[in-house]
Amino acid sequence: MKLTIHHTTRYRYNRPVQLLPHRMLLLPRGSHNVVVLASTLACSPTAQLDWVQDVFGNLIAVATFSEPTSELVITSTVAVDQLADAWPVFQIAPEAQTFPFDFSPDDVIDLGALRVPEHGDPAGQLHDWARGFVRGRSTDTLSLLKDINAGMLSAVAYRARDEEGTQDPLQTLQLASGSCRDIAALLIEAVRHLGFGARAVSGYVFDPDMPASNHGSTHAWAEIYLPRAGWIAFDPTNRRFGGAGLIPVAVARNNQQIMPVAGGYLGAPDDFSAMDVRVTVSPTEEG
């Protein structure tokens, strides 16, 4: 399915300020599931754009500004072809089809920190909760991951949250609510407690079953690594797995590393007035 993504971020200031360099992760990652057909990125005021790749291979545009301004508008328009199968079949290595299993020495080295829980769990609450999904001494690996993914919304209710950042996964579990990025972070932390390699993903989601005015939006989910099958997308907020409807932009160890836009300015805190973000994801009109 061919989709067009419009993403506009607007910052307003109470007086002209000097903008510091802004880091933008807005261009989707091309893959066998997502083909980038065209893209434009523009800033007002005009900025010098330098493109770099980070350690995860994400494409980052760094904008440098020369003149003070009282408003910054960043506009990204991307056309993609989303090719993921709605009912994927994953070819998992025989030795990894039953949990628990051992990763190869190379996978252990390469996954590194992506298998290590990042947050404190002093009473073992999160660890015990994750272990509660394991049925018996051995279980089907993919079924286990599907159960955890589907089980997120039994423990945590989705809640739109405008505050920046991601909740501590244990906090999300205790509050029993969180945004899509909070729920994804909880899934990542849970499967890391079981020894899996997992990474955070930011991007866009398209759901044709939603109202026409809200088919798509920015979104956060997780990818979990299984030998031979590779990185598999798990979207706990929507209880789905596989890449259908998902347009990944960036992957990293955690959500904080892949904010769509990050930057600052020289001035006082009260110089900042407001920020708003508008995103649409819609089928491309054939012409």
Protein backbone atom coordinates (compact mmCIF):
# COMPACT_ATOMS: atom_id res chain seq x y z
CA MET A 1 0.00 0.00 0.00
CA LYS A 2 1.35 3.40 -1.00
CA LEU A 3 1.10 5.97 1.81
CA THR A 4 1.91 9.66 2.19
CA ILE A 5 3.07 10.99 5.56
CA HIS A 6 2.88 14.68 6.45
CA HIS A 7 4.60 15.60 9.73
CA THR A 8 4.77 19.23 10.90
CA THR A 9 6.37 20.39 14.17
CA ARG A 10 5.95 24.03 15.19
CA TYR A 11 7.75 25.83 18.03
CA ARG A 12 6.79 29.35 19.14
CA TYR A 13 8.84 31.72 21.28
CA ASN A 14 7.87 34.93 23.10
CA ARG A 15 10.79 36.78 21.55
CA PRO A 16 13.42 36.02 18.89
CA VAL A 17 15.87 33.37 20.14
CA GLN A 18 19.00 31.81 18.70
CA LEU A 19 18.27 28.21 17.85
CA LEU A 20 20.82 25.53 18.65
CA PRO A 21 21.33 22.64 16.20
CA HIS A 22 18.25 20.42 15.93
CA ARG A 23 18.45 16.65 15.42
CA MET A 24 15.61 15.20 13.32
CA LEU A 25 14.70 11.54 12.82
CA LEU A 26 11.89 11.78 10.28
CA LEU A 27 12.96 9.71 7.25
CA PRO A 28 11.67 6.09 7.36
CA ARG A 29 14.12 3.19 7.30
CA GLY A 30 13.97 1.45 3.93
CA SER A 31 13.61 -2.35 4.04
CA HIS A 32 11.94 -5.27 2.28
CA ASN A 33 8.72 -4.17 4.03
CA VAL A 34 8.95 -0.40 3.49
CA VAL A 35 10.22 1.30 0.32
CA VAL A 36 10.78 5.05 0.49
CA LEU A 37 9.54 6.54 -2.80
CA ALA A 38 10.12 10.26 -2.18
CA SER A 39 10.85 12.63 0.68
CA THR A 40 11.23 16.32 1.44
CA LEU A 41 12.35 18.04 4.63
CA ALA A 42 12.17 21.79 5.13
CA CYS A 43 12.74 24.23 7.99
CA SER A 44 11.49 27.77 8.46
CA PRO A 45 13.64 29.75 9.05
CA THR A 46 15.94 28.16 6.50
CA ALA A 47 18.58 25.86 7.96
CA GLN A 48 21.66 24.09 6.72
CA LEU A 49 20.87 20.35 6.74
CA ASP A 50 23.61 17.78 7.25
CA TRP A 51 22.78 14.08 7.04
CA VAL A 52 24.51 11.52 9.26
CA GLN A 53 23.98 7.93 10.38
CA ASP A 54 24.10 6.89 14.02
CA VAL A 55 25.37 3.61 15.48
CA PHE A 56 22.02 1.93 14.69
CA GLY A 57 22.05 3.05 11.05
CA ASN A 58 19.28 5.63 11.53
CA LEU A 59 19.34 8.55 9.10
CA ILE A 60 19.54 11.81 11.04
CA ALA A 61 19.19 15.32 9.65
CA VAL A 62 21.03 17.95 11.71
CA ALA A 63 19.71 21.48 11.14
CA THR A 64 21.92 24.49 11.86
CA PHE A 65 20.34 27.96 12.04
CA SER A 66 22.04 31.32 11.51
CA GLU A 67 19.39 33.93 12.38
CA PRO A 68 17.30 34.48 15.55
CA THR A 69 13.62 33.65 15.17
CA SER A 70 10.37 33.68 17.15
CA GLU A 71 9.00 30.61 15.35
CA LEU A 72 10.45 27.35 14.03
CA VAL A 73 8.49 25.13 11.66
CA ILE A 74 9.82 21.73 10.56
CA THR A 75 7.89 20.05 7.75
CA SER A 76 8.50 16.51 6.51
CA THR A 77 6.61 14.86 3.65
CA VAL A 78 7.37 11.25 2.75
CA ALA A 79 5.85 8.79 0.29
CA VAL A 80 6.35 5.08 1.03
CA ASP A 81 5.19 1.73 -0.23
CA GLN A 82 4.21 -0.45 2.77
CA LEU A 83 4.57 -4.08 1.68
CA ALA A 84 4.41 -6.08 4.92
CA ASP A 85 2.18 -9.15 4.99
CA ALA A 86 -0.79 -8.88 7.34
CA TRP A 87 -0.32 -12.56 8.30
CA PRO A 88 3.45 -13.10 8.35
CA VAL A 89 5.17 -16.45 8.76
CA PHE A 90 8.58 -16.29 10.45
CA GLN A 91 11.25 -18.90 9.83
CA ILE A 92 12.84 -19.28 13.26
CA ALA A 93 16.00 -21.35 13.67
CA PRO A 94 15.14 -24.84 14.99
CA GLU A 95 17.26 -24.38 18.11
CA ALA A 96 15.34 -21.20 19.01
CA GLN A 97 11.79 -22.45 18.47
CA THR A 98 11.44 -23.58 22.08
CA PHE A 99 12.08 -21.30 25.07
CA PRO A 100 14.48 -21.21 26.84
CA PHE A 101 17.26 -21.43 24.27
CA ASP A 102 20.84 -20.23 23.95
CA PHE A 103 21.88 -17.53 21.50
CA SER A 104 25.00 -18.19 19.47
CA PRO A 105 28.23 -16.62 20.79
CA ASP A 106 28.14 -14.08 17.94
CA ASP A 107 24.54 -13.11 18.69
CA VAL A 108 25.37 -12.70 22.38
CA ILE A 109 28.16 -10.27 21.51
CA ASP A 110 26.24 -8.37 18.84
CA LEU A 111 23.02 -8.00 20.84
CA GLY A 112 25.00 -6.84 23.86
CA ALA A 113 23.08 -4.18 25.79
CA LEU A 114 19.87 -4.97 23.88
CA ARG A 115 19.51 -8.06 26.11
CA VAL A 116 20.18 -6.24 29.40
CA PRO A 117 17.33 -4.67 31.45
CA GLU A 118 17.98 -0.94 31.83
CA HIS A 119 15.86 -0.05 34.85
CA GLY A 120 15.79 -0.88 38.51
CA ASP A 121 13.57 -3.68 39.79
CA PRO A 122 14.64 -3.96 43.45
CA ALA A 123 11.81 -6.23 44.58
CA GLY A 124 11.80 -8.30 41.38
CA GLN A 125 8.21 -7.27 40.58
CA LEU A 126 8.79 -6.75 36.87
CA HIS A 127 10.96 -9.86 36.58
CA ASP A 128 8.32 -12.02 38.29
CA TRP A 129 5.56 -10.49 36.14
CA ALA A 130 7.48 -11.36 32.96
CA ARG A 131 8.20 -14.89 34.19
CA GLY A 132 4.46 -15.32 34.80
CA PHE A 133 3.93 -15.59 31.04
CA VAL A 134 6.17 -18.67 30.81
CA ARG A 135 4.07 -21.83 30.85
CA GLY A 136 6.07 -24.82 32.05
CA ARG A 137 9.75 -25.67 31.79
CA SER A 138 9.72 -25.23 28.01
CA THR A 139 7.30 -23.45 25.70
CA ASP A 140 6.98 -22.35 22.11
CA THR A 141 9.09 -19.21 21.71
CA LEU A 142 6.88 -17.26 19.32
CA SER A 143 3.73 -18.16 21.27
CA LEU A 144 5.39 -16.86 24.44
CA LEU A 145 6.26 -13.54 22.81
CA LYS A 146 2.75 -13.23 21.36
CA ASP A 147 1.29 -13.86 24.82
CA ILE A 148 3.44 -11.16 26.41
CA ASN A 149 2.64 -8.72 23.61
CA ALA A 150 -1.11 -9.37 23.90
CA GLY A 151 -0.92 -9.35 27.70
CA MET A 152 0.35 -5.79 27.99
CA LEU A 153 -3.13 -4.28 27.79
CA SER A 154 -4.40 -6.67 30.45
CA ALA A 155 -2.02 -5.00 32.90
CA VAL A 156 -1.68 -1.49 31.43
CA ALA A 157 -4.35 0.75 29.92
CA TYR A 158 -3.41 3.01 27.04
CA ARG A 159 -3.37 6.69 28.02
CA ALA A 160 -2.40 9.57 25.73
CA ARG A 161 0.40 11.45 27.47
CA ASP A 162 1.71 14.81 26.23
CA GLU A 163 4.71 14.95 28.56
CA GLU A 164 8.09 14.33 26.95
CA GLY A 165 10.08 11.24 27.79
CA THR A 166 9.19 7.66 28.67
CA GLN A 167 8.00 6.32 32.00
CA ASP A 168 10.15 3.84 33.90
CA PRO A 169 8.73 0.41 32.95
CA LEU A 170 8.16 -0.52 36.60
CA GLN A 171 6.27 2.75 37.07
CA THR A 172 4.09 1.94 34.04
CA LEU A 173 3.31 -1.47 35.54
CA GLN A 174 2.49 0.04 38.94
CA LEU A 175 0.38 2.88 37.49
CA ALA A 176 -1.31 0.42 35.12
CA SER A 177 -1.38 3.08 32.38
CA GLY A 178 0.90 4.65 29.81
CA SER A 179 1.36 5.95 26.27
CA CYS A 180 2.39 3.79 23.34
CA ARG A 181 6.06 4.50 24.05
CA ASP A 182 5.56 3.56 27.75
CA ILE A 183 3.83 0.30 26.86
CA ALA A 184 6.50 -0.56 24.29
CA ALA A 185 9.22 0.17 26.86
CA LEU A 186 7.51 -2.16 29.33
CA LEU A 187 7.43 -4.94 26.72
CA ILE A 188 11.12 -4.41 25.93
CA GLU A 189 12.11 -4.52 29.59
CA ALA A 190 9.97 -7.61 30.23
CA VAL A 191 11.46 -9.69 27.41
CA ARG A 192 14.98 -8.58 28.32
CA HIS A 193 14.33 -10.05 31.78
CA LEU A 194 13.73 -13.34 29.93
CA GLY A 195 17.00 -13.03 28.01
CA PHE A 196 15.71 -11.83 24.64
CA GLY A 197 17.29 -9.04 22.60
CA ALA A 198 14.84 -6.18 22.07
CA ARG A 199 15.00 -2.62 20.74
CA ALA A 200 12.73 0.43 20.67
CA VAL A 201 11.19 1.64 17.40
CA SER A 202 9.70 5.01 16.56
CA GLY A 203 7.78 5.79 13.40
CA TYR A 204 4.25 5.92 12.07
CA VAL A 205 1.23 3.64 12.06
CA PHE A 206 -1.54 3.40 9.47
CA ASP A 207 -4.83 1.72 10.37
CA PRO A 208 -7.51 1.76 7.64
CA ASP A 209 -10.12 0.73 10.21
CA MET A 210 -9.76 4.03 12.06
CA PRO A 211 -11.90 7.06 11.10
CA ALA A 212 -10.75 8.74 7.87
CA SER A 213 -9.64 11.83 9.81
CA ASN A 214 -7.31 9.74 11.98
CA HIS A 215 -6.02 6.85 9.85
CA GLY A 216 -2.45 7.31 11.08
CA SER A 217 -0.14 8.96 13.56
CA THR A 218 3.30 8.82 15.11
CA HIS A 219 3.78 5.60 17.05
CA ALA A 220 6.20 3.59 19.16
CA TRP A 221 6.59 -0.18 19.31
CA ALA A 222 9.26 -2.84 19.84
CA GLU A 223 11.29 -5.29 17.81
CA ILE A 224 12.51 -8.59 19.26
CA TYR A 225 15.34 -10.61 17.73
CA LEU A 226 14.99 -14.32 16.99
CA PRO A 227 17.71 -16.34 15.24
CA ARG A 228 17.18 -16.71 11.49
CA ALA A 229 13.86 -14.80 11.62
CA GLY A 230 15.69 -11.60 12.58
CA TRP A 231 13.96 -8.57 14.07
CA ILE A 232 10.20 -9.08 14.49
CA ALA A 233 7.89 -6.12 15.17
CA PHE A 234 5.62 -6.34 18.22
CA ASP A 235 3.05 -3.58 18.77
CA PRO A 236 1.63 -4.11 22.28
CA THR A 237 -0.55 -0.96 22.16
CA ASN A 238 -2.57 -2.53 19.34
CA ARG A 239 -1.98 -6.20 20.28
CA ARG A 240 -0.41 -6.88 16.88
CA PHE A 241 2.82 -8.38 15.66
CA GLY A 242 4.56 -8.18 12.31
CA GLY A 243 5.17 -5.07 10.25
CA ALA A 244 1.76 -4.55 8.61
CA GLY A 245 0.67 -0.93 8.97
CA LEU A 246 3.94 0.13 10.60
CA ILE A 247 6.43 2.55 9.05
CA PRO A 248 9.62 2.46 11.15
CA VAL A 249 11.78 5.58 11.19
CA ALA A 250 14.41 4.77 13.82
CA VAL A 251 15.52 2.00 16.16
CA ALA A 252 17.63 2.22 19.30
CA ARG A 253 18.25 0.75 22.74
CA ASN A 254 15.52 2.97 24.22
CA ASN A 255 12.96 5.59 23.22
CA GLN A 256 14.98 8.53 24.52
CA GLN A 257 17.54 7.98 21.76
CA ILE A 258 15.04 8.29 18.91
CA MET A 259 12.88 11.34 19.54
CA PRO A 260 11.60 12.63 16.17
CA VAL A 261 12.88 16.17 16.85
CA ALA A 262 15.36 17.24 19.53
CA GLY A 263 17.00 20.63 19.95
CA GLY A 264 17.18 23.76 22.03
CA TYR A 265 17.76 27.51 22.03
CA LEU A 266 19.82 30.17 23.77
CA GLY A 267 17.63 32.14 26.14
CA ALA A 268 15.53 32.04 29.28
CA PRO A 269 13.01 29.24 30.02
CA ASP A 270 10.08 31.65 29.70
CA ASP A 271 11.16 32.57 26.16
CA PHE A 272 9.46 29.34 25.05
CA SER A 273 5.76 29.75 24.29
CA ALA A 274 4.30 26.58 22.76
CA MET A 275 4.84 23.53 20.57
CA ASP A 276 2.38 21.59 18.45
CA VAL A 277 2.74 18.56 16.20
CA ARG A 278 0.46 17.55 13.36
CA VAL A 279 0.74 14.22 11.58
CA THR A 280 -1.34 12.59 8.87
CA VAL A 281 -0.77 9.20 7.28
CA SER A 282 -3.04 8.53 4.32
CA PRO A 283 -3.22 6.43 1.14
CA THR A 284 -1.40 8.12 -1.73
CA GLU A 285 -3.72 9.52 -4.36
CA GLU A 286 -2.90 8.03 -7.73
CA GLY A 287 -2.52 10.66 -10.41
